[in-house]
C-alpha atoms as a PDB file:
ATOM      1  CA  UNK A   1      74.997  17.595  75.557  1.00  0.00           C
ATOM      2  CA  UNK A   2      72.845  17.579  72.574  1.00  0.00           C
ATOM      3  CA  UNK A   3      70.244  19.313  74.523  1.00  0.00           C
ATOM      4  CA  UNK A   4      72.621  21.905  75.967  1.00  0.00           C
ATOM      5  CA  UNK A   5      73.525  22.543  72.466  1.00  0.00           C
ATOM      6  CA  UNK A   6      70.337  23.067  71.288  1.00  0.00           C
ATOM      7  CA  UNK A   7      69.425  25.527  74.304  1.00  0.00           C
ATOM      8  CA  UNK A   8      72.554  27.606  73.257  1.00  0.00           C
ATOM      9  CA  UNK A   9      71.368  27.511  69.572  1.00  0.00           C
ATOM     10  CA  UNK A  10      68.035  28.637  70.253  1.00  0.00           C
ATOM     11  CA  UNK A  11      69.316  31.378  73.021  1.00  0.00           C
ATOM     12  CA  UNK A  12      71.637  32.524  70.315  1.00  0.00           C
ATOM     13  CA  UNK A  13      68.975  32.756  67.468  1.00  0.00           C
ATOM     14  CA  UNK A  14      67.097  34.828  69.664  1.00  0.00           C
ATOM     15  CA  UNK A  15      69.829  37.270  70.646  1.00  0.00           C
ATOM     16  CA  UNK A  16      70.955  37.616  67.253  1.00  0.00           C
ATOM     17  CA  UNK A  17      67.417  38.480  66.119  1.00  0.00           C
ATOM     18  CA  UNK A  18      66.474  40.962  68.935  1.00  0.00           C
ATOM     19  CA  UNK A  19      69.390  43.205  68.902  1.00  0.00           C
ATOM     20  CA  UNK A  20      67.698  46.543  69.227  1.00  0.00           C
ATOM     21  CA  UNK A  21      67.941  48.050  65.875  1.00  0.00           C
ATOM     22  CA  UNK A  22      66.214  46.611  62.932  1.00  0.00           C
ATOM     23  CA  UNK A  23      69.207  46.613  60.802  1.00  0.00           C
ATOM     24  CA  UNK A  24      71.321  44.275  62.866  1.00  0.00           C
ATOM     25  CA  UNK A  25      67.881  42.302  63.750  1.00  0.00           C
ATOM     26  CA  UNK A  26      67.923  41.534  60.294  1.00  0.00           C
ATOM     27  CA  UNK A  27      71.727  41.158  59.504  1.00  0.00           C
ATOM     28  CA  UNK A  28      72.401  38.796  62.509  1.00  0.00           C
ATOM     29  CA  UNK A  29      68.995  37.131  62.785  1.00  0.00           C
ATOM     30  CA  UNK A  30      68.566  35.986  59.216  1.00  0.00           C
ATOM     31  CA  UNK A  31      72.307  34.606  59.385  1.00  0.00           C
ATOM     32  CA  UNK A  32      71.676  32.802  62.563  1.00  0.00           C
ATOM     33  CA  UNK A  33      68.405  31.349  61.465  1.00  0.00           C
ATOM     34  CA  UNK A  34      69.815  29.794  58.481  1.00  0.00           C
ATOM     35  CA  UNK A  35      73.057  28.583  59.955  1.00  0.00           C
ATOM     36  CA  UNK A  36      72.688  27.770  63.453  1.00  0.00           C
ATOM     37  CA  UNK A  37      71.177  24.238  63.176  1.00  0.00           C
ATOM     38  CA  UNK A  38      74.397  23.056  61.424  1.00  0.00           C
ATOM     39  CA  UNK A  39      76.646  25.165  63.143  1.00  0.00           C
ATOM     40  CA  UNK A  40      79.601  23.263  64.947  1.00  0.00           C
ATOM     41  CA  UNK A  41      79.936  23.855  68.523  1.00  0.00           C
ATOM     42  CA  UNK A  42      83.398  25.849  68.070  1.00  0.00           C
ATOM     43  CA  UNK A  43      81.670  27.953  65.560  1.00  0.00           C
ATOM     44  CA  UNK A  44      78.647  28.615  67.956  1.00  0.00           C
ATOM     45  CA  UNK A  45      81.125  29.698  70.663  1.00  0.00           C
ATOM     46  CA  UNK A  46      82.304  32.382  68.141  1.00  0.00           C
ATOM     47  CA  UNK A  47      78.998  33.581  67.630  1.00  0.00           C
ATOM     48  CA  UNK A  48      77.861  33.713  70.999  1.00  0.00           C
ATOM     49  CA  UNK A  49      80.874  35.965  71.408  1.00  0.00           C
ATOM     50  CA  UNK A  50      80.316  38.138  68.395  1.00  0.00           C
ATOM     51  CA  UNK A  51      76.455  39.015  69.394  1.00  0.00           C
ATOM     52  CA  UNK A  52      77.865  40.348  72.853  1.00  0.00           C
ATOM     53  CA  UNK A  53      79.436  43.175  70.783  1.00  0.00           C
ATOM     54  CA  UNK A  54      77.816  46.489  70.433  1.00  0.00           C
ATOM     55  CA  UNK A  55      75.750  46.822  67.393  1.00  0.00           C
ATOM     56  CA  UNK A  56      77.493  50.039  66.191  1.00  0.00           C
ATOM     57  CA  UNK A  57      80.716  48.278  66.006  1.00  0.00           C
ATOM     58  CA  UNK A  58      79.040  45.102  64.374  1.00  0.00           C
ATOM     59  CA  UNK A  59      77.483  47.277  61.880  1.00  0.00           C
ATOM     60  CA  UNK A  60      80.377  48.923  60.960  1.00  0.00           C
ATOM     61  CA  UNK A  61      82.132  45.639  60.529  1.00  0.00           C
ATOM     62  CA  UNK A  62      79.718  43.904  58.732  1.00  0.00           C
ATOM     63  CA  UNK A  63      78.944  46.822  56.309  1.00  0.00           C
ATOM     64  CA  UNK A  64      82.601  47.339  55.749  1.00  0.00           C
ATOM     65  CA  UNK A  65      82.642  50.696  57.257  1.00  0.00           C
ATOM     66  CA  UNK A  66      85.610  49.489  59.640  1.00  0.00           C
ATOM     67  CA  UNK A  67      87.861  46.823  59.614  1.00  0.00           C
ATOM     68  CA  UNK A  68      87.418  43.694  61.909  1.00  0.00           C
ATOM     69  CA  UNK A  69      89.784  44.824  64.616  1.00  0.00           C
ATOM     70  CA  UNK A  70      89.564  41.260  66.184  1.00  0.00           C
ATOM     71  CA  UNK A  71      90.945  38.325  64.209  1.00  0.00           C
ATOM     72  CA  UNK A  72      88.775  35.825  66.137  1.00  0.00           C
ATOM     73  CA  UNK A  73      85.783  37.236  64.136  1.00  0.00           C
ATOM     74  CA  UNK A  74      87.282  38.228  60.709  1.00  0.00           C
ATOM     75  CA  UNK A  75      86.194  35.055  59.305  1.00  0.00           C
ATOM     76  CA  UNK A  76      82.611  34.825  60.722  1.00  0.00           C
ATOM     77  CA  UNK A  77      81.996  38.499  59.622  1.00  0.00           C
ATOM     78  CA  UNK A  78      83.132  37.724  56.049  1.00  0.00           C
ATOM     79  CA  UNK A  79      80.786  34.628  56.145  1.00  0.00           C
ATOM     80  CA  UNK A  80      77.797  37.042  57.192  1.00  0.00           C
ATOM     81  CA  UNK A  81      78.804  39.745  54.540  1.00  0.00           C
ATOM     82  CA  UNK A  82      78.836  36.967  51.900  1.00  0.00           C
ATOM     83  CA  UNK A  83      75.280  35.544  53.200  1.00  0.00           C
ATOM     84  CA  UNK A  84      73.944  38.894  52.848  1.00  0.00           C
ATOM     85  CA  UNK A  85      75.730  39.669  49.456  1.00  0.00           C
ATOM     86  CA  UNK A  86      77.795  42.235  51.061  1.00  0.00           C
ATOM     87  CA  UNK A  87      81.249  41.113  49.413  1.00  0.00           C
ATOM     88  CA  UNK A  88      84.128  43.488  50.005  1.00  0.00           C
ATOM     89  CA  UNK A  89      85.720  44.693  46.711  1.00  0.00           C
ATOM     90  CA  UNK A  90      89.061  44.757  48.582  1.00  0.00           C
ATOM     91  CA  UNK A  91      89.466  48.067  48.012  1.00  0.00           C
ATOM     92  CA  UNK A  92      87.194  48.910  51.329  1.00  0.00           C
ATOM     93  CA  UNK A  93      88.996  50.082  54.455  1.00  0.00           C
ATOM     94  CA  UNK A  94      92.456  49.216  53.014  1.00  0.00           C
ATOM     95  CA  UNK A  95      93.816  52.899  52.771  1.00  0.00           C
ATOM     96  CA  UNK A  96      95.430  51.550  49.601  1.00  0.00           C
ATOM     97  CA  UNK A  97      95.358  52.722  46.152  1.00  0.00           C
ATOM     98  CA  UNK A  98      94.834  51.077  43.173  1.00  0.00           C
ATOM     99  CA  UNK A  99      96.373  51.664  39.736  1.00  0.00           C
ATOM    100  CA  UNK A 100      93.469  53.462  38.266  1.00  0.00           C
ATOM    101  CA  UNK A 101      93.206  55.505  41.272  1.00  0.00           C
ATOM    102  CA  UNK A 102      96.976  56.868  40.490  1.00  0.00           C
ATOM    103  CA  UNK A 103      96.082  57.333  37.115  1.00  0.00           C
ATOM    104  CA  UNK A 104      93.293  59.882  38.445  1.00  0.00           C
ATOM    105  CA  UNK A 105      95.690  61.674  40.654  1.00  0.00           C
END
């Protein structure tokens, strides 16, 4: 089982780092390189599913351009964002107005 897990980790690392765009190669590849060796099998399952999603969708989720529309990936996307210092401010993609926004209107 350990050997199988090692093979899966290597495959996931390769797929995360060879996406098709340099931006996604960096965003997913660096995250995978830093986390895969200690990632639990359940988390590896989730990452393997995530890397099957098309780059434009993943990029929008990671960069906060659109909300994560699949709850299975919400925590993983949040972790990737945090790893890269791309913390959401809480105002992105919520459509809600803050008190200071209301004062400006």
